[in-house]
Protein backbone atom coordinates (compact mmCIF):
# COMPACT_ATOMS: atom_id res chain seq x y z
CA MET A 1 19.46 35.19 -16.91
CA ASP A 2 22.05 32.31 -17.59
CA ALA A 3 20.46 29.73 -18.82
CA SER A 4 22.14 27.06 -15.87
CA LEU A 5 21.20 29.85 -13.17
CA THR A 6 16.97 29.45 -14.74
CA ILE A 7 17.50 25.90 -14.25
CA LEU A 8 18.88 25.76 -11.01
CA LEU A 9 16.43 28.49 -9.62
CA ILE A 10 13.31 26.13 -10.72
CA CYS A 11 15.08 23.11 -9.19
CA GLY A 12 15.76 25.39 -5.94
CA VAL A 13 11.98 26.31 -6.33
CA TYR A 14 11.11 23.18 -6.42
CA LEU A 15 13.06 21.45 -3.70
CA ALA A 16 11.38 24.62 -1.29
CA VAL A 17 7.60 23.78 -2.26
CA SER A 18 8.89 19.85 -1.27
CA LEU A 19 10.12 20.51 1.66
CA LEU A 20 6.89 22.60 2.63
CA MET A 21 4.50 20.19 2.01
CA GLY A 22 6.61 17.22 3.87
CA ILE A 23 6.43 19.65 7.17
CA LEU A 24 3.34 20.53 7.11
CA PRO A 25 1.83 17.12 7.40
CA GLY A 26 3.12 15.97 10.43
CA ARG A 27 0.98 18.62 12.38
CA SER A 28 -1.93 16.32 11.45
CA VAL A 29 -1.05 12.99 13.33
CA SER A 30 -0.09 11.81 16.66
CA HIS A 31 3.45 12.63 18.51
CA SER A 32 3.39 8.59 19.03
CA VAL A 33 5.47 5.86 17.13
CA ALA A 34 2.54 4.55 15.44
CA GLY A 35 2.15 8.24 14.35
CA TYR A 36 5.15 8.53 12.99
CA VAL A 37 5.79 5.41 11.15
CA ALA A 38 2.16 4.37 10.65
CA GLY A 39 0.27 7.64 10.18
CA ASP A 40 -1.89 6.78 12.94
CA ARG A 41 -3.28 4.14 10.13
CA ALA A 42 -5.16 6.31 8.31
CA MET A 43 -3.59 6.72 4.55
CA ASN A 44 -6.58 6.73 2.05
CA VAL A 45 -6.26 5.54 -1.79
CA VAL A 46 -5.14 8.59 -2.75
CA LEU A 47 -2.22 8.31 -0.28
CA LEU A 48 -1.45 5.16 -0.77
CA TYR A 49 -1.52 5.28 -4.73
CA PHE A 50 0.97 7.46 -4.32
CA VAL A 51 2.99 6.76 -1.57
CA LEU A 52 3.41 3.10 -3.11
CA GLY A 53 3.84 4.22 -6.85
CA ALA A 54 6.55 7.09 -6.94
CA SER A 55 8.25 4.99 -3.84
CA VAL A 56 9.12 2.54 -6.94
CA PHE A 57 9.34 4.52 -9.59
CA SER A 58 12.54 6.26 -8.59
CA SER A 59 16.01 7.58 -9.76
CA PHE A 60 16.06 4.19 -11.68
CA ALA A 61 13.03 5.17 -14.01
CA PHE A 62 14.09 8.75 -14.65
CA LEU A 63 17.73 7.77 -15.12
CA GLY A 64 18.12 3.86 -15.37
CA ALA A 65 15.25 2.85 -17.27
CA PRO A 66 16.16 5.17 -20.05
CA GLY A 67 19.88 4.02 -19.72
CA TRP A 68 18.84 0.81 -20.17
CA ALA A 69 16.83 1.35 -23.15
CA TYR A 70 19.61 3.77 -24.61
CA SER A 71 22.37 1.12 -24.46
CA ARG A 72 20.27 -2.45 -24.33
CA GLY A 73 17.11 -1.88 -25.71
CA ALA A 74 14.47 -4.27 -25.34
CA ALA A 75 16.38 -5.30 -22.01
CA ALA A 76 14.56 -2.31 -21.00
CA TYR A 77 10.84 -4.07 -20.85
CA TYR A 78 11.62 -6.25 -17.99
CA VAL A 79 10.58 -3.09 -15.65
CA ILE A 80 7.34 -3.07 -17.17
CA ALA A 81 6.99 -6.79 -17.30
CA TYR A 82 7.49 -7.06 -13.44
CA GLY A 83 5.82 -3.91 -12.21
CA ILE A 84 2.47 -4.94 -13.82
CA VAL A 85 2.04 -8.06 -11.21
CA GLY A 86 4.59 -7.04 -8.80
CA MET A 87 2.00 -5.71 -6.07
CA THR A 88 -0.60 -8.60 -6.47
CA PRO A 89 1.04 -10.20 -2.71
CA LEU A 90 -0.27 -7.52 -1.40
CA TYR A 91 -3.89 -8.22 -1.99
CA PHE A 92 -3.72 -10.88 -0.48
CA PHE A 93 -0.96 -10.06 2.19
CA GLY A 94 -1.48 -6.43 2.62
CA PRO A 95 -5.21 -6.92 4.90
CA ARG A 96 -4.60 -9.19 6.96
CA ALA A 97 -1.15 -7.62 8.04
CA ARG A 98 -2.89 -4.31 8.58
CA ARG A 99 -5.80 -6.13 10.47
CA LEU A 100 -3.28 -7.88 12.51
CA GLY A 101 -1.26 -4.16 12.96
CA GLU A 102 -4.16 -2.92 14.83
CA ARG A 103 -4.61 -5.76 17.01
CA PHE A 104 -0.97 -5.94 18.28
CA GLY A 105 0.90 -2.49 17.54
CA PHE A 106 2.92 -3.57 14.11
CA VAL A 107 4.12 -1.19 12.35
CA THR A 108 7.04 -3.06 10.19
CA GLN A 109 7.20 -6.09 8.38
CA ALA A 110 9.45 -8.18 10.67
CA GLU A 111 7.56 -7.36 13.76
CA LEU A 112 4.11 -9.63 12.00
CA LEU A 113 7.27 -12.29 10.99
CA ALA A 114 8.89 -12.28 14.49
CA HIS A 115 5.36 -12.90 16.10
CA ARG A 116 4.29 -15.24 13.75
CA TYR A 117 7.41 -17.31 14.16
CA ASP A 118 8.26 -16.14 17.54
CA SER A 119 11.85 -15.44 17.02
CA ARG A 120 13.61 -12.23 18.08
CA VAL A 121 16.54 -13.66 16.15
CA LEU A 122 14.44 -13.44 12.92
CA SER A 123 13.53 -9.81 13.81
CA VAL A 124 16.96 -8.83 14.21
CA VAL A 125 17.98 -10.50 10.74
CA LEU A 126 15.56 -8.89 9.09
CA ALA A 127 16.46 -5.86 10.26
CA LEU A 128 19.64 -6.24 9.16
CA LEU A 129 18.50 -7.43 5.97
CA SER A 130 16.50 -4.25 5.05
CA VAL A 131 19.32 -1.58 5.89
CA VAL A 132 21.77 -3.77 4.05
CA ALA A 133 19.44 -3.77 0.89
CA PHE A 134 18.10 -0.02 1.67
CA VAL A 135 21.71 1.64 1.90
CA PRO A 136 21.95 0.50 -2.11
CA TYR A 137 18.67 1.73 -3.03
CA LEU A 138 18.95 4.71 -1.13
CA THR A 139 22.52 5.47 -2.87
CA LEU A 140 20.90 4.81 -5.78
CA GLN A 141 18.60 8.03 -5.31
CA MET A 142 21.35 9.91 -4.23
CA LYS A 143 23.49 9.66 -7.05
CA GLY A 144 20.65 10.18 -9.52
CA ALA A 145 20.13 13.74 -7.86
CA GLY A 146 23.72 14.25 -7.84
CA TYR A 147 24.26 13.67 -11.72
CA ILE A 148 21.15 15.24 -13.06
CA LEU A 149 22.00 18.96 -11.02
CA SER A 150 25.54 18.42 -11.83
CA THR A 151 25.00 17.65 -16.29
CA VAL A 152 22.26 20.50 -16.25
CA SER A 153 23.98 23.08 -14.30
CA GLY A 154 27.32 22.59 -16.77
CA GLY A 155 29.31 21.06 -13.57
CA LEU A 156 28.83 24.69 -11.70
CA ILE A 157 27.08 22.36 -9.01
CA PRO A 158 29.50 19.22 -8.73
CA ALA A 159 27.48 15.79 -8.29
CA TRP A 160 28.25 15.91 -4.42
CA LEU A 161 26.87 18.81 -3.95
CA GLY A 162 23.33 17.79 -5.63
CA ALA A 163 22.88 15.18 -3.60
CA LEU A 164 23.96 17.16 -0.38
CA VAL A 165 21.25 19.70 -1.13
CA THR A 166 18.48 17.20 -2.34
CA TYR A 167 18.43 14.66 0.36
CA GLY A 168 19.16 17.57 2.99
CA VAL A 169 15.56 18.70 2.13
CA VAL A 170 14.80 15.02 2.03
CA LEU A 171 16.08 14.37 5.55
CA THR A 172 14.42 17.33 7.22
CA TYR A 173 10.95 16.81 5.73
CA VAL A 174 11.34 13.12 7.11
CA LEU A 175 12.56 13.66 10.50
CA ALA A 176 9.77 16.34 11.45
CA SER A 177 6.69 14.46 9.68
CA GLY A 178 7.12 10.84 9.31
CA VAL A 179 5.00 8.95 7.01
CA MET A 180 2.86 11.36 6.58
CA GLY A 181 5.47 13.85 4.93
CA VAL A 182 6.77 11.02 2.83
CA GLY A 183 3.12 10.83 1.73
CA TRP A 184 1.83 14.42 0.82
CA THR A 185 5.24 14.88 -1.00
CA ASN A 186 4.94 11.84 -2.81
CA THR A 187 1.51 12.47 -3.89
CA PHE A 188 2.41 15.80 -5.08
CA GLN A 189 6.43 14.69 -6.57
CA GLY A 190 3.68 11.92 -8.45
CA VAL A 191 1.90 13.50 -10.06
CA PHE A 192 4.38 16.57 -11.53
CA MET A 193 6.99 13.48 -12.74
CA ILE A 194 4.38 12.28 -14.77
CA ALA A 195 3.25 15.02 -16.14
CA ILE A 196 7.01 15.84 -16.86
CA ALA A 197 8.16 12.40 -18.43
CA TRP A 198 4.48 12.37 -20.87
CA VAL A 199 5.73 15.56 -22.14
CA LEU A 200 9.30 14.91 -22.33
CA GLY A 201 8.96 11.36 -23.86
CA LEU A 202 6.38 12.67 -26.60
CA TYR A 203 8.48 16.01 -27.33
CA LEU A 204 12.01 14.14 -27.92
CA PRO A 205 10.86 11.47 -30.98
CA HIS A 206 9.21 13.69 -32.64
CA LYS A 207 11.74 16.54 -32.51
CA LEU A 208 14.70 14.50 -33.27
CA TYR A 209 12.65 11.69 -35.56
CA GLY A 210 9.34 13.51 -36.84
CA GLY A 211 7.25 10.80 -34.10
CA VAL A 212 7.40 7.95 -32.14
CA GLY A 213 6.69 5.62 -35.16
CA ALA A 214 9.39 7.36 -36.88
CA MET A 215 11.94 6.97 -34.26
CA PHE A 216 11.28 2.92 -34.03
CA GLU A 217 11.65 2.28 -37.77
CA GLN A 218 14.92 4.32 -38.51
CA ILE A 219 16.46 2.21 -35.50
CA ALA A 220 15.20 -0.76 -37.06
CA ALA A 221 16.47 0.10 -40.37
CA SER A 222 19.94 0.96 -39.10
CA ASP A 223 22.90 -1.05 -37.39
CA LEU A 224 21.33 -1.49 -33.93
CA GLY A 225 17.89 -2.72 -35.30
CA ALA A 226 18.76 -5.75 -32.77
CA ARG A 227 18.43 -3.79 -29.42
CA LEU A 228 14.42 -3.89 -30.44
CA THR A 229 14.57 -7.44 -30.23
CA ALA A 230 13.38 -9.38 -26.62
CA PRO A 231 15.34 -9.81 -24.76
CA GLY A 232 17.88 -7.25 -26.19
CA LEU A 233 21.43 -6.89 -25.04
CA GLY A 234 23.22 -7.97 -22.18
CA ALA A 235 25.73 -5.75 -19.96
CA ASP A 236 28.64 -7.02 -22.04
CA GLY A 237 27.22 -5.65 -24.99
CA GLY A 238 25.86 -9.20 -26.54
CA PRO A 239 22.66 -10.88 -27.09
CA TRP A 240 21.24 -10.59 -23.50
CA ASN A 241 19.98 -14.43 -23.05
CA TRP A 242 15.88 -15.52 -21.70
CA TRP A 243 17.63 -17.40 -18.95
CA ALA A 244 18.91 -13.84 -17.49
CA TYR A 245 15.85 -11.60 -18.71
CA SER A 246 12.66 -14.42 -17.54
CA SER A 247 15.05 -14.46 -14.29
CA ALA A 248 15.26 -11.06 -13.33
CA VAL A 249 11.56 -10.17 -14.51
CA LEU A 250 10.61 -13.48 -11.75
CA VAL A 251 12.78 -12.43 -8.64
CA SER A 252 11.88 -8.52 -8.99
CA ALA A 253 8.24 -9.47 -9.58
CA ILE A 254 8.38 -11.73 -6.32
CA GLY A 255 10.43 -9.53 -4.61
CA LEU A 256 8.78 -6.19 -4.99
CA SER A 257 5.81 -5.73 -2.70
CA MET A 258 8.08 -7.26 -0.14
CA TRP A 259 10.13 -4.48 0.18
CA PRO A 260 9.89 -3.34 3.83
CA HIS A 261 9.16 0.69 3.20
CA LEU A 262 6.43 -0.82 1.01
CA PHE A 263 4.87 -4.09 2.83
CA MET A 264 4.75 -1.23 5.96
CA LYS A 265 2.14 0.73 4.18
CA SER A 266 -0.08 -1.76 4.57
CA TYR A 267 -0.05 -0.96 8.74
CA ALA A 268 -0.91 3.02 7.32
CA ALA A 269 -4.52 2.02 4.99
CA ARG A 270 -7.49 3.43 6.24
CA SER A 271 -9.10 0.02 5.91
CA ASP A 272 -8.95 -3.17 3.88
CA ARG A 273 -10.53 -1.56 0.78
CA SER A 274 -8.56 0.64 0.67
CA LEU A 275 -5.43 -0.95 0.49
CA ARG A 276 -6.87 -3.51 -2.17
CA LEU A 277 -8.04 -1.14 -4.46
CA THR A 278 -4.52 0.76 -4.07
CA VAL A 279 -2.90 -2.66 -5.53
CA VAL A 280 -5.97 -2.68 -8.42
CA LEU A 281 -5.23 0.15 -9.42
CA PHE A 282 -1.22 0.12 -8.66
CA PRO A 283 -0.33 -1.66 -12.56
CA THR A 284 -1.53 2.03 -13.72
CA PHE A 285 1.65 3.79 -12.91
CA GLN A 286 3.51 1.66 -15.53
CA PHE A 287 1.89 3.87 -18.05
CA PHE A 288 4.29 6.34 -16.89
CA LEU A 289 7.05 3.92 -17.87
CA VAL A 290 6.31 4.43 -21.46
CA PRO A 291 7.19 7.82 -21.78
CA ILE A 292 10.59 7.21 -19.73
CA LEU A 293 11.84 4.21 -21.99
CA LEU A 294 10.69 6.47 -25.38
CA ILE A 295 13.36 8.76 -23.99
CA GLY A 296 15.96 6.49 -23.98
CA PHE A 297 14.89 5.21 -27.57
CA ALA A 298 15.31 8.99 -28.72
CA GLY A 299 19.37 9.22 -27.90
CA VAL A 300 20.07 5.80 -30.03
CA LEU A 301 20.96 7.59 -32.94
CA ALA A 302 21.01 10.94 -31.84
CA PHE A 303 23.57 10.67 -29.41
CA PRO A 304 25.59 7.40 -29.65
CA GLY A 305 28.06 6.90 -27.52
CA VAL A 306 27.08 8.47 -24.46
CA THR A 307 28.80 7.54 -21.11
CA PRO A 308 27.84 6.39 -18.41
CA ALA A 309 24.53 5.70 -19.64
CA ASP A 310 22.67 6.37 -16.95
CA THR A 311 23.22 9.98 -17.75
CA ILE A 312 21.33 10.18 -21.46
CA VAL A 313 18.33 11.91 -20.32
CA PRO A 314 20.60 14.91 -19.12
CA HIS A 315 22.62 14.70 -21.82
CA ILE A 316 19.87 14.99 -24.44
CA LEU A 317 17.99 17.97 -22.49
CA THR A 318 21.31 20.21 -22.77
CA ARG A 319 22.22 19.37 -26.41
CA ILE A 320 18.57 19.98 -28.18
CA GLY A 321 18.07 23.58 -27.92
CA LEU A 322 15.33 23.16 -24.83
CA SER A 323 14.03 26.23 -23.46
CA PRO A 324 15.62 26.64 -19.78
CA VAL A 325 12.66 27.00 -17.93
CA LEU A 326 11.46 23.47 -19.63
CA VAL A 327 14.60 22.14 -18.92
CA GLY A 328 14.28 23.03 -15.45
CA LEU A 329 11.15 21.73 -15.14
CA VAL A 330 12.60 18.13 -16.28
CA CYS A 331 15.08 18.02 -13.85
CA ALA A 332 12.56 18.97 -11.26
CA GLY A 333 10.95 15.87 -12.30
CA VAL A 334 14.06 13.79 -11.95
CA LEU A 335 14.69 15.11 -8.23
CA ALA A 336 10.85 14.04 -8.16
CA ALA A 337 11.28 10.43 -9.00
CA SER A 338 14.56 10.65 -6.58
CA MET A 339 13.09 12.16 -3.75
CA SER A 340 9.90 9.83 -3.41
CA THR A 341 11.51 6.77 -3.23
CA GLY A 342 14.47 8.21 -1.15
CA ASP A 343 12.25 9.61 1.87
CA ALA A 344 10.60 6.64 1.66
CA LEU A 345 13.69 4.39 2.39
CA LEU A 346 15.35 6.87 4.94
CA HIS A 347 12.15 6.78 6.93
CA ALA A 348 11.69 3.18 6.75
CA ALA A 349 14.88 1.82 7.59
CA ALA A 350 15.46 3.86 10.45
CA SER A 351 12.10 2.74 11.52
CA ILE A 352 13.10 -0.96 10.84
CA PHE A 353 16.17 -0.88 12.69
CA VAL A 354 14.88 0.33 15.87
CA ARG A 355 11.61 -1.38 15.99
CA ASP A 356 13.45 -4.77 15.08
CA GLY A 357 16.75 -4.32 15.71
CA VAL A 358 17.03 -2.23 19.00
CA ARG A 359 13.87 -2.95 20.41
CA HIS A 360 15.36 -6.45 20.76
CA VAL A 361 19.20 -6.04 21.50
CA ALA A 362 18.97 -3.04 23.45
CA PRO A 363 15.74 -2.54 24.83
CA HIS A 364 16.90 -0.16 27.94
CA LEU A 365 17.32 2.48 25.05
CA LEU A 366 13.83 2.44 24.62
CA PRO A 367 11.61 3.09 27.54
CA ASP A 368 8.71 5.15 25.96
CA ASP A 369 7.52 6.27 22.72
CA ARG A 370 9.15 9.79 22.88
CA HIS A 371 12.73 7.67 22.99
CA GLU A 372 11.81 5.24 20.26
CA ARG A 373 11.17 7.97 17.89
CA LEU A 374 14.08 10.04 18.93
CA TRP A 375 16.25 7.46 18.19
CA ILE A 376 14.54 6.54 15.17
CA ARG A 377 15.22 9.86 13.86
CA VAL A 378 19.13 9.43 15.04
CA LEU A 379 19.46 6.95 12.50
CA ALA A 380 17.90 8.30 9.72
CA VAL A 381 20.77 10.88 10.39
CA VAL A 382 23.30 7.69 10.38
CA LEU A 383 21.53 6.30 7.71
CA PHE A 384 21.75 9.20 5.56
CA CYS A 385 25.23 9.52 5.94
CA VAL A 386 26.13 5.86 4.61
CA ALA A 387 24.48 6.19 1.89
CA TYR A 388 25.47 9.46 0.86
CA TYR A 389 29.50 8.48 1.37
CA PHE A 390 28.05 5.58 -1.04
CA ALA A 391 27.01 7.80 -3.30
CA VAL A 392 29.77 10.35 -3.72
CA ALA A 393 32.76 7.20 -3.46
CA SER A 394 31.17 4.69 -5.64
CA ASP A 395 30.83 4.12 -9.36
CA VAL A 396 27.96 1.11 -9.75
CA SER A 397 25.50 1.37 -12.10
CA ILE A 398 22.28 2.40 -10.84
CA VAL A 399 20.33 -1.02 -12.42
CA ALA A 400 23.21 -3.22 -11.32
CA LEU A 401 22.49 -1.44 -7.52
CA LEU A 402 18.67 -2.25 -8.24
CA LEU A 403 18.88 -5.50 -9.35
CA GLY A 404 21.66 -6.94 -6.61
CA SER A 405 18.88 -5.90 -3.71
CA TYR A 406 16.05 -7.48 -5.26
CA GLY A 407 17.74 -10.77 -4.73
CA GLY A 408 18.07 -10.27 -0.85
CA ILE A 409 14.74 -8.57 -0.42
CA ALA A 410 12.86 -11.99 -2.59
CA GLN A 411 14.09 -14.23 0.26
CA ILE A 412 11.46 -12.82 2.91
CA PHE A 413 8.87 -13.80 0.15
CA PRO A 414 8.53 -17.76 1.32
CA LEU A 415 8.07 -16.59 5.11
CA MET A 416 5.51 -13.89 4.46
CA PHE A 417 3.88 -16.70 2.46
CA ALA A 418 3.85 -19.37 4.97
CA ALA A 419 2.95 -17.20 7.87
CA PHE A 420 -0.39 -16.86 6.07
CA TYR A 421 -0.87 -19.75 4.10
CA TRP A 422 1.42 -22.79 5.56
CA PRO A 423 0.30 -23.28 9.18
CA ARG A 424 3.10 -26.03 9.30
CA ALA A 425 5.99 -23.26 9.22
CA THR A 426 8.14 -23.21 12.23
CA GLY A 427 10.32 -20.05 13.37
CA LYS A 428 13.75 -22.62 13.00
CA GLY A 429 12.39 -23.37 9.57
CA ALA A 430 11.94 -19.79 8.50
CA LEU A 431 15.25 -18.29 10.16
CA ALA A 432 17.32 -21.21 8.88
CA GLY A 433 15.20 -20.72 5.17
CA LEU A 434 16.35 -17.16 5.60
CA VAL A 435 20.03 -17.15 6.19
CA ALA A 436 20.61 -20.17 3.33
CA GLY A 437 18.60 -18.14 0.64
CA LEU A 438 20.68 -15.12 1.67
CA VAL A 439 23.88 -17.15 1.60
CA VAL A 440 23.42 -18.69 -1.25
CA ASN A 441 22.18 -15.58 -2.94
CA THR A 442 25.16 -13.83 -2.04
CA PHE A 443 27.77 -16.58 -3.06
CA PHE A 444 26.29 -16.51 -6.83
CA LEU A 445 26.14 -12.85 -7.14
CA LEU A 446 29.93 -12.83 -6.25
CA PHE A 447 30.46 -15.84 -8.12
CA ALA A 448 28.26 -15.00 -11.27
CA ASP A 449 30.68 -17.63 -13.57
CA LEU A 450 29.80 -20.29 -10.42
CA ARG A 451 26.16 -20.19 -11.95
CA PRO A 452 24.90 -23.33 -13.38
CA VAL A 453 22.73 -21.25 -15.68
CA PRO A 454 22.91 -17.39 -15.84
CA MET A 455 19.55 -16.81 -13.82
CA HIS A 456 19.30 -14.06 -11.56
CA GLU A 457 21.40 -14.95 -8.23
CA GLY A 458 17.95 -14.49 -6.21
CA ILE A 459 15.85 -17.51 -8.16
CA TYR A 460 19.10 -19.95 -6.57
CA GLY A 461 19.09 -17.92 -3.32
CA LEU A 462 14.42 -18.96 -3.17
CA LEU A 463 15.15 -22.41 -4.52
CA ALA A 464 17.58 -22.83 -1.25
CA ASN A 465 15.46 -21.14 1.00
CA VAL A 466 12.12 -23.15 0.20
CA LEU A 467 14.10 -26.51 0.73
CA VAL A 468 16.01 -25.28 4.15
CA PHE A 469 12.67 -24.01 5.36
CA ALA A 470 10.30 -26.72 4.36
CA ALA A 471 12.87 -29.37 5.40
CA VAL A 472 13.51 -27.77 8.78
CA SER A 473 10.21 -26.70 9.83
CA LEU A 474 8.74 -30.90 9.32
CA ARG A 475 11.67 -32.01 11.79
CA THR A 476 10.61 -29.50 14.26
CA ALA A 477 7.75 -29.00 16.31
CA PRO A 478 4.75 -26.55 15.31
CA GLU A 479 3.96 -23.21 16.77
CA PRO A 480 0.69 -23.24 18.98
CA LEU A 481 -2.33 -23.61 17.42
CA GLU A 482 -3.72 -20.73 18.88
CA LYS A 483 -1.15 -18.41 16.99
CA LEU A 484 -1.87 -20.13 13.74
CA GLN A 485 -5.52 -19.43 13.77
CA ILE A 486 -5.28 -15.93 14.43
CA TYR A 487 -2.69 -16.04 11.05
CA SER A 488 -5.17 -18.01 9.10
CA GLY A 489 -8.04 -16.49 10.28
CA GLU A 490 -9.96 -19.72 10.58
CA ALA A 491 -10.30 -22.47 12.90
CA LEU A 492 -7.59 -25.16 11.76
CA PRO A 493 -7.24 -29.02 12.17
CA VAL A 494 -5.41 -29.39 15.75
CA ALA A 495 -1.55 -30.56 14.33
CA ALA A 496 0.45 -33.06 15.97
CA GLY A 497 2.30 -31.84 18.70
CA ASN A 498 -0.66 -29.11 19.43
CA ARG A 499 -3.22 -31.13 20.61
CA PRO A 500 -4.64 -30.80 24.12
CA PRO A 501 -4.35 -33.15 26.33
CA PRO A 502 -7.16 -36.18 26.39
CA SER A 503 -10.05 -34.98 28.67
CA LYS A 504 -11.88 -37.41 31.34
CA PRO A 505 -15.07 -38.80 30.18
CA ALA A 506 -17.68 -37.27 32.33
CA ARG A 507 -19.69 -39.77 34.41
CA SER A 508 -23.17 -40.47 33.84
CA GLN A 509 -25.86 -40.36 35.85
CA ALA A 510 -26.56 -43.84 36.31
CA SER A 511 -22.73 -44.59 36.93
CA SER A 512 -22.74 -41.92 39.75
C-alpha cells in the first residue's frame, strides 16, 4: 500500500474512534441545558484533568510551539513558564463558582459576573468578547489539522479538505453530546497525544544528532547558538527583548484560567475537592511540552529554512524515512491536539453566545430548555462556518493568533478577582473597566509601534482596566449587602449606602 494512503488510513481510524467516543457519552446525561453545557455537574478528577489539560494543549502545542523552538529558540520557553502557574487562580475562584452554579443554575462565566454586578449589558459584552476571542483560537485548531493532513499526504488532501473532515467529526459529536462528549474524547486524545509526543521527542534527536545532549551541543557550537539563550529571537529574527518575553508570560498566565471554555469546567466538577485536585495536578501537563519543544530544536540544523515554521513537524516526518505506520500515528496525535481544544471551544462559544447574549437580547427565542439547546446547536454550526472560513482564507501565524486572543481574555481577570475579593466593586465600574481594557488592548495590538515600552498589548489593557474599574466603582453606589455576602462567603461590614435605616429604640418597662 502507498505510504500516503497508509498514513491517511490510520488518521481515518483515529477520527472514527474519536467520533464514537464523542457520541456515546451523550446517552448518560440529562437532556437539560445543564446536562448539555455542564454535564449535570458530575465530572470527576480524571475527566477534569484531561478536559483542562487537553483543551489547553492544542495545535499550538504540536505545531506552534515546535515552530517557535525551530525559528525563535528559547523564546518558546514562555509557554512552559505561563502554563505552570496559569491555572492557580482557578484553585481559589473555581470552588466558589461551582457552588454558586449549583445554587443559581450558572453554566457560563458571564452568568456569574452579570449576577454579581447586576448588569445585563456586561453579560452581552462578555458574550461578544468570548466569541471574538474564540473564533481565531478555533481557526488556529482548524489550520493545524489542515496543515498536518496536507503535508503528510503530499498534497493529496488539500488543507481546506483536511480541516473540513477533521472538524466535521468534531462538530458532529459536539452537537450530539455536548460537554460530556468533549470530556471523554479529550481523555482519549490527551493520553494518545502525550504518548506520541514523548516517543517522537526522544526519537528525533537520537536519530538526527545521537541524543538530546548531543543535539544541543551541536546547535550551541553552530552559528545558530544564540537561539538557545533566553529570551530567544523576536519575530523579525533579531533578539527578543525581556519586556516582550516577560509580558507575554504574564498576560498568558493571567488569561489562561479566564478563558471561558476552561472556567466553565468549574461548573462541571463533581465537588470542590475534585476541582482543587485537578488544578494542583495541572502543572504536570507541562511535561508534555518538553518533547514537543525537542522536536522543534531537532530541525534547527537538520532542516534549515523551512517556512512557515509552524510546519516543521510534518516537514521532518516526511523526510527522515519513518515507517508510514509511525508517521500515521504521529499525525493522529497532532489531530488529537487540535481536536481536544477545538471541541471545547466550539461547544463553549455556542453555549456562551446563547446563554449570555441571545437570552438577554431576544429572550422570546428561548422559552424552554429544548429551544435553548436547539439554539446552542445552531450557533455551533454558525461558528464552525465562520472559523472555517478564516482557517482557509487567512495566512496568520498560529502563535500570533493565540497571543492576540490572550490580551482580550486577560481583561476578564480584574472583574473575576473583584467579584470575590473586593466588595466595593460595582457593576458600572466593572463594565467601564472592561471596555477601557479592551479598547487600550486593541489600540496597541493594531498600533504596536506606539507602545511606550515593547510589552504585550494585554498588559496596557490591564493597567487601564484596573484604574478605570477602581475609579468608577469608588464613585458609584455599592452593590446590595446580601449579594456581597453571597460572593464573599462571610459576613461583611456594612458599607456606606447599604446601611439599613436606624430602628426606633424599644420602650423599656419603666417608660411604659
